[in-house]
C-alpha cells in the first residue's frame, strides 16, 4: 500500500501490477513510467517492469488497516486486464467484501471484460466501479459499465483529450475530469471540462475536477471557473 497524491483518493493498493496500452488515453501512461522508475530502484514488485503480474501476498494488506480508508485499487494496473486470471479477480473482490469499512475505487479501461465477469463477484456498497473515458471513441465503456451490478458507478474522464458532449449519466454517481500531465501532455480545452460539469449539474451527478495538467500541473492547478470542484458520491457506512 502507499499514500497517494491522487486528489480523489487517500491511498493505493496494488494486488496487480503492469498493463498494456489499449486506447489513446494510454499514450503517456504515468504508471508505466513509474514502474520503470521503481524497477531501476530495485523494488522487487517491479522486477519485470510493466509486465502484468499478480501479487497474492498483497491480498492480506487491507486486513491490517486500522482506520477507514479510501483506496484506489490497482493504480499501477487494470484489474480486468486479459492476463489477470478470473479467480484472482474474484479473490480481490473477496478481500473488498470482507473489509466493508473501507471504500475501494476500481477503475478500468476494459469494460467489456468487466461486464463478462460482473455477475461472478459480489458488489458490496463499499466498491465503487469506474471506467476511463478519454474521448468519444471509447464512449461504449459507459454503456457497458451501466449494465454491471456495481452499486456505485463512476467515470474518469482523464486524460480528457476530446469533447464528450452527449454523456448519458443515468445511474452514474460520479464523474472525474482531468487534463493530461507530463512534458508531452496533450492540451485539454476548457470548454470540454465546463460542458461535462454542466451535464453533471443537470443530471444531479457529483463532479470532481482533478487538474488542468500540462507540463507543470502544480502551476496550472485545480481551479475551474475560479472554484475547486471536489464532490464525491454519497457514502453511508450503515448501508454495508
Protein backbone atom coordinates (compact mmCIF):
# COMPACT_ATOMS: atom_id res chain seq x y z
CA UNK A 1 0.00 0.00 0.00
CA UNK A 2 1.06 3.63 -0.40
CA UNK A 3 -0.29 7.04 0.46
CA UNK A 4 -1.46 8.73 -2.72
CA UNK A 5 -1.20 12.21 -4.19
CA UNK A 6 -4.20 11.48 -6.39
CA UNK A 7 -6.75 14.08 -5.34
CA UNK A 8 -9.80 11.81 -5.28
CA UNK A 9 -8.39 9.04 -3.11
CA UNK A 10 -6.29 8.55 0.04
CA UNK A 11 -4.08 5.62 -0.81
CA UNK A 12 -3.37 2.92 -3.38
CA UNK A 13 -3.39 -0.87 -3.17
CA UNK A 14 -1.86 -2.90 -6.00
CA UNK A 15 -2.55 -6.64 -5.94
CA UNK A 16 -1.85 -6.47 -9.68
CA UNK A 17 0.88 -4.51 -11.45
CA UNK A 18 1.62 -3.96 -15.11
CA UNK A 19 -0.57 -3.31 -18.13
CA UNK A 20 -0.65 -2.85 -21.90
CA UNK A 21 -1.93 0.06 -23.95
CA UNK A 22 -5.48 -0.24 -25.22
CA UNK A 23 -6.61 3.23 -26.35
CA UNK A 24 -5.45 6.81 -26.91
CA UNK A 25 -5.66 7.66 -23.22
CA UNK A 26 -2.81 5.21 -22.56
CA UNK A 27 -0.29 7.00 -24.79
CA UNK A 28 1.69 8.64 -21.97
CA UNK A 29 0.79 6.22 -19.15
CA UNK A 30 2.07 7.51 -15.81
CA UNK A 31 2.01 4.00 -14.31
CA UNK A 32 4.35 2.68 -16.99
CA UNK A 33 6.83 5.46 -16.31
CA UNK A 34 6.59 4.87 -12.56
CA UNK A 35 7.05 1.10 -12.95
CA UNK A 36 10.27 1.63 -14.90
CA UNK A 37 11.49 4.02 -12.21
CA UNK A 38 10.70 1.55 -9.42
CA UNK A 39 12.42 -1.21 -11.39
CA UNK A 40 15.55 0.93 -11.65
CA UNK A 41 15.38 1.48 -7.88
CA UNK A 42 15.44 -2.28 -7.34
CA UNK A 43 11.87 -2.62 -5.99
CA UNK A 44 11.13 -6.36 -6.11
CA UNK A 45 7.49 -5.95 -7.06
CA UNK A 46 8.56 -4.28 -10.31
CA UNK A 47 11.40 -6.63 -11.27
CA UNK A 48 9.53 -7.29 -14.52
CA UNK A 49 8.88 -3.57 -15.04
CA UNK A 50 5.40 -3.12 -16.56
CA UNK A 51 4.56 -6.71 -17.44
CA UNK A 52 1.26 -7.85 -15.95
CA UNK A 53 1.90 -9.64 -12.66
CA UNK A 54 -0.41 -10.73 -9.83
CA UNK A 55 0.71 -10.42 -6.20
CA UNK A 56 -1.21 -12.84 -3.94
CA UNK A 57 0.75 -11.65 -0.90
CA UNK A 58 -0.83 -8.21 -1.30
CA UNK A 59 -4.29 -9.63 -0.67
CA UNK A 60 -3.69 -9.59 3.09
CA UNK A 61 -2.85 -5.90 3.29
CA UNK A 62 -6.38 -4.41 3.70
CA UNK A 63 -6.97 -6.55 6.79
CA UNK A 64 -4.16 -4.67 8.54
CA UNK A 65 -5.59 -1.16 8.18
CA UNK A 66 -6.88 0.10 11.50
CA UNK A 67 -8.78 3.16 10.29
CA UNK A 68 -11.30 3.64 7.50
CA UNK A 69 -9.57 4.24 4.16
CA UNK A 70 -10.50 5.40 0.68
CA UNK A 71 -8.44 3.17 -1.60
CA UNK A 72 -7.67 3.26 -5.32
CA UNK A 73 -7.29 -0.38 -6.38
CA UNK A 74 -4.56 -1.11 -8.93
CA UNK A 75 -3.29 2.36 -9.67
CA UNK A 76 -0.41 0.54 -11.40
CA UNK A 77 -2.52 -1.82 -13.48
CA UNK A 78 -6.02 -2.76 -14.66
CA UNK A 79 -7.80 -5.41 -12.62
CA UNK A 80 -9.75 -6.54 -15.70
CA UNK A 81 -6.75 -6.98 -17.98
CA UNK A 82 -7.00 -10.19 -20.02
CA UNK A 83 -3.86 -11.55 -18.35
CA UNK A 84 -5.35 -11.36 -14.85
CA UNK A 85 -6.94 -14.75 -14.06
CA UNK A 86 -10.68 -14.67 -13.23
CA UNK A 87 -10.04 -16.49 -9.95
CA UNK A 88 -7.62 -13.76 -8.86
CA UNK A 89 -10.15 -11.05 -9.71
CA UNK A 90 -12.61 -12.91 -7.50
CA UNK A 91 -10.05 -13.04 -4.70
CA UNK A 92 -9.57 -9.27 -4.89
CA UNK A 93 -13.34 -8.82 -4.65
CA UNK A 94 -13.49 -11.21 -1.71
CA UNK A 95 -10.99 -9.06 0.15
CA UNK A 96 -13.01 -5.92 -0.60
CA UNK A 97 -16.21 -7.67 0.51
CA UNK A 98 -14.60 -8.69 3.80
CA UNK A 99 -13.40 -5.16 4.55
CA UNK A 100 -16.63 -3.11 4.32
CA UNK A 101 -15.21 -0.33 6.47
CA UNK A 102 -13.05 0.82 3.54
CA UNK A 103 -14.08 2.35 0.22
CA UNK A 104 -12.42 0.62 -2.73
CA UNK A 105 -12.29 2.53 -6.01
CA UNK A 106 -11.73 0.26 -9.03
CA UNK A 107 -11.08 1.81 -12.44
CA UNK A 108 -10.80 0.01 -15.78
CA UNK A 109 -10.47 0.67 -19.49
CA UNK A 110 -11.57 -2.91 -20.16
CA UNK A 111 -15.29 -2.53 -19.61
CA UNK A 112 -16.04 -5.49 -21.88
CA UNK A 113 -14.25 -7.90 -19.54
CA UNK A 114 -15.79 -6.19 -16.54
CA UNK A 115 -19.22 -6.96 -17.97
CA UNK A 116 -18.23 -10.57 -18.64
CA UNK A 117 -17.33 -11.21 -15.01
CA UNK A 118 -19.58 -8.81 -13.09
CA UNK A 119 -22.12 -11.48 -12.14
CA UNK A 120 -19.43 -13.74 -10.70
CA UNK A 121 -18.42 -11.31 -7.94
CA UNK A 122 -20.23 -9.71 -5.02
CA UNK A 123 -20.83 -5.97 -5.27
CA UNK A 124 -20.91 -4.67 -1.71
CA UNK A 125 -21.65 -0.96 -1.18
CA UNK A 126 -18.01 -0.15 -0.48
CA UNK A 127 -16.89 -0.99 -4.03
CA UNK A 128 -17.00 1.93 -6.46
CA UNK A 129 -16.61 0.81 -10.07
CA UNK A 130 -15.44 3.22 -12.75
CA UNK A 131 -14.40 3.29 -16.39
CA UNK A 132 -11.96 5.63 -18.11
CA UNK A 133 -13.41 7.67 -20.98
CA UNK A 134 -10.90 10.00 -22.59
CA UNK A 135 -12.87 10.91 -25.72
CA UNK A 136 -15.88 9.85 -27.79
CA UNK A 137 -14.02 6.94 -29.40
CA UNK A 138 -14.40 4.90 -26.20
CA UNK A 139 -17.85 6.08 -25.13
CA UNK A 140 -19.14 2.48 -25.28
CA UNK A 141 -17.39 1.88 -21.94
CA UNK A 142 -20.11 3.99 -20.30
CA UNK A 143 -22.92 1.74 -21.53
CA UNK A 144 -21.03 -1.40 -20.54
CA UNK A 145 -20.50 -0.04 -17.03
CA UNK A 146 -24.21 0.67 -16.68
CA UNK A 147 -25.01 -2.98 -17.33
CA UNK A 148 -22.99 -4.17 -14.34
CA UNK A 149 -24.25 -4.85 -10.81
CA UNK A 150 -21.90 -2.31 -9.24
CA UNK A 151 -23.69 -0.24 -6.60
CA UNK A 152 -21.69 2.95 -7.17
CA UNK A 153 -20.59 3.76 -10.73
CA UNK A 154 -18.23 6.49 -11.89
CA UNK A 155 -16.40 7.87 -14.90
CA UNK A 156 -12.82 9.07 -15.06
CA UNK A 157 -12.51 11.47 -17.99
CA UNK A 158 -8.76 11.76 -17.64
CA UNK A 159 -6.75 12.48 -19.61
CA UNK A 160 -9.60 14.33 -21.33
CA UNK A 161 -8.32 14.62 -24.90
CA UNK A 162 -11.58 15.38 -26.69
CA UNK A 163 -15.12 16.66 -26.10
CA UNK A 164 -17.81 14.46 -24.56
CA UNK A 165 -20.97 16.42 -25.39
CA UNK A 166 -23.64 13.75 -25.07
CA UNK A 167 -22.98 11.72 -21.93
CA UNK A 168 -25.96 9.73 -20.72
CA UNK A 169 -25.35 9.95 -16.98
CA UNK A 170 -28.38 7.94 -15.95
CA UNK A 171 -27.38 5.71 -12.98
CA UNK A 172 -23.90 7.27 -12.85
CA UNK A 173 -22.90 8.58 -9.41
CA UNK A 174 -19.67 10.46 -10.02
CA UNK A 175 -17.59 12.00 -12.81
CA UNK A 176 -13.91 12.92 -12.54
CA UNK A 177 -12.38 15.26 -15.14
CA UNK A 178 -8.69 15.98 -15.56
CA UNK A 179 -6.15 17.10 -18.12
CA UNK A 180 -3.08 15.13 -19.03
CA UNK A 181 0.18 15.93 -17.22
CA UNK A 182 3.79 15.50 -18.22
CA UNK A 183 6.17 17.13 -20.66
CA UNK A 184 4.33 15.70 -23.69
CA UNK A 185 0.85 16.34 -22.30
CA UNK A 186 -1.94 16.84 -24.81
CA UNK A 187 -3.92 20.01 -24.01
CA UNK A 188 -7.45 19.95 -22.59
CA UNK A 189 -9.89 22.55 -23.89
CA UNK A 190 -11.64 24.41 -21.07
CA UNK A 191 -14.93 24.09 -22.92
CA UNK A 192 -14.75 20.30 -22.74
CA UNK A 193 -14.45 20.37 -18.94
CA UNK A 194 -17.14 23.03 -18.49
CA UNK A 195 -19.55 21.11 -20.69
CA UNK A 196 -19.12 17.93 -18.64
CA UNK A 197 -19.58 19.93 -15.45
CA UNK A 198 -22.86 21.33 -16.81
CA UNK A 199 -24.03 17.84 -17.79
CA UNK A 200 -23.32 16.62 -14.26
CA UNK A 201 -25.29 19.51 -12.75
CA UNK A 202 -28.27 18.76 -14.96
CA UNK A 203 -28.14 15.06 -14.10
CA UNK A 204 -27.51 15.56 -10.36
CA UNK A 205 -24.18 13.73 -10.54
CA UNK A 206 -21.20 14.51 -8.29
CA UNK A 207 -18.46 16.34 -10.23
CA UNK A 208 -14.75 16.31 -9.40
CA UNK A 209 -12.27 18.46 -11.31
CA UNK A 210 -8.87 16.89 -10.70
CA UNK A 211 -6.43 19.09 -12.60
CA UNK A 212 -5.65 21.08 -15.73
CA UNK A 213 -2.42 19.12 -16.11
CA UNK A 214 0.23 20.20 -18.59
CA UNK A 215 3.98 20.24 -18.10
CA UNK A 216 3.58 21.73 -14.60
CA UNK A 217 0.32 20.52 -13.09
CA UNK A 218 1.00 22.27 -9.77
CA UNK A 219 1.22 25.60 -11.55
CA UNK A 220 -1.94 25.10 -13.63
CA UNK A 221 -3.79 23.87 -10.53
CA UNK A 222 -7.35 22.71 -9.98
CA UNK A 223 -9.46 25.85 -10.30
CA UNK A 224 -12.33 25.68 -12.79
CA UNK A 225 -14.28 28.91 -13.15
CA UNK A 226 -12.36 30.13 -10.12
CA UNK A 227 -13.59 27.28 -7.91
CA UNK A 228 -12.46 23.88 -6.62
CA UNK A 229 -14.89 21.12 -7.53
CA UNK A 230 -14.29 18.08 -5.35
CA UNK A 231 -17.70 16.47 -4.97
CA UNK A 232 -17.86 12.78 -4.09
CA UNK A 233 -20.65 10.16 -4.20
CA UNK A 234 -22.67 9.78 -1.03
CA UNK A 235 -21.40 7.00 1.19
CA UNK A 236 -23.19 5.77 4.28
CA UNK A 237 -21.43 3.16 6.34
CA UNK A 238 -24.74 1.77 7.59
CA UNK A 239 -25.52 0.53 4.08
CA UNK A 240 -22.75 -2.07 4.25
